[in-house]
Protein backbone atom coordinates (compact mmCIF):
# COMPACT_ATOMS: atom_id res chain seq x y z
CA MET A 1 105.03 90.36 108.85
CA LYS A 2 107.08 88.45 106.18
CA VAL A 3 105.81 85.55 103.97
CA ILE A 4 108.14 83.13 105.77
CA GLU A 5 106.64 84.01 109.07
CA LEU A 6 103.20 83.57 107.76
CA LEU A 7 103.97 80.29 106.21
CA LYS A 8 105.44 78.98 109.52
CA LEU A 9 102.50 80.23 111.50
CA ASN A 10 100.04 78.28 109.26
CA ARG A 11 102.34 75.30 108.29
CA ASP A 12 100.22 72.52 109.70
CA LEU A 13 97.13 73.76 108.17
CA LEU A 14 98.57 74.31 104.89
CA THR A 15 100.25 71.08 104.80
CA PHE A 16 96.90 69.32 105.81
CA CYS A 17 95.08 71.18 102.89
CA ARG A 18 97.76 70.28 100.37
CA SER A 19 97.45 66.71 101.58
CA ALA A 20 93.71 66.86 101.12
CA GLY A 21 94.09 67.91 97.61
CA ILE A 22 92.81 71.39 98.13
CA ARG A 23 94.04 74.08 95.95
CA LEU A 24 94.80 77.22 98.03
CA ASP A 25 94.27 79.54 95.06
CA ASP A 26 90.57 78.43 95.03
CA VAL A 27 89.88 80.58 98.09
CA ARG A 28 89.15 83.39 95.96
CA TYR A 29 86.36 81.41 94.54
CA ILE A 30 84.33 80.84 97.64
CA GLU A 31 81.80 83.41 96.88
CA LEU A 32 81.45 82.07 93.23
CA TYR A 33 80.60 78.66 94.70
CA ASN A 34 77.98 80.12 97.28
CA GLU A 35 76.25 82.00 94.46
CA TYR A 36 76.18 78.91 92.42
CA SER A 37 74.56 76.97 95.42
CA ARG A 38 72.06 79.80 95.91
CA LEU A 39 70.95 80.02 92.11
CA LEU A 40 70.58 76.17 91.89
CA ALA A 41 68.55 76.03 95.08
CA GLU A 42 66.36 78.74 93.53
CA GLY A 43 65.79 76.51 90.41
CA GLU A 44 67.98 78.29 87.91
CA LYS A 45 69.50 76.19 85.13
CA ILE A 46 73.02 75.13 85.43
CA THR A 47 73.89 76.72 81.96
CA TYR A 48 72.46 80.00 83.06
CA ILE A 49 74.28 79.90 86.22
CA VAL A 50 77.69 79.23 84.88
CA ALA A 51 76.98 81.83 82.15
CA THR A 52 76.10 84.41 84.91
CA LEU A 53 79.09 83.46 87.31
CA ALA A 54 81.62 83.52 84.35
CA ASP A 55 80.63 87.12 83.32
CA LYS A 56 80.60 88.21 86.91
CA TYR A 57 83.93 86.85 88.16
CA GLY A 58 85.71 87.65 84.76
CA VAL A 59 86.52 83.73 84.14
CA CYS A 60 85.61 81.61 81.08
CA GLU A 61 82.42 79.26 81.52
CA ARG A 62 84.98 76.10 81.29
CA THR A 63 86.64 77.50 84.30
CA VAL A 64 83.52 77.88 86.21
CA TYR A 65 82.43 74.36 85.65
CA GLY A 66 85.98 72.92 86.79
CA LEU A 67 85.65 74.99 89.92
CA ILE A 68 82.22 73.87 90.89
CA ARG A 69 83.53 70.16 90.32
CA ARG A 70 86.42 70.68 92.52
CA LEU A 71 84.84 72.73 95.09
CA LYS A 72 82.08 70.20 95.70
CA ALA A 73 84.37 67.18 95.60
CA GLU A 74 85.08 65.39 98.83
CA CYS A 75 88.36 65.94 100.33
CA ASN A 76 90.91 63.20 100.07
CA VAL A 77 91.65 63.11 103.78
CA LEU A 78 92.58 59.31 103.58
CA ALA A 79 95.89 60.56 102.04
CA VAL A 80 96.73 62.52 105.06
């Protein structure tokens, strides 16, 4: 399958995601956010969680804070 075929097949979904303010590159951080939520529910401190996830996923702590803020934000569906 060619890239253009895949884009055409998912055009509506991709357009909706872009309009809602979703960065498609963030799909690779879904597990990071799941682990953040789990550790937070277990009572771990945010600083510890961020340091642990930054080390595990090979990103800086500032990136983890940004990802968490972005992934837990409400979608901008009114813009659609």
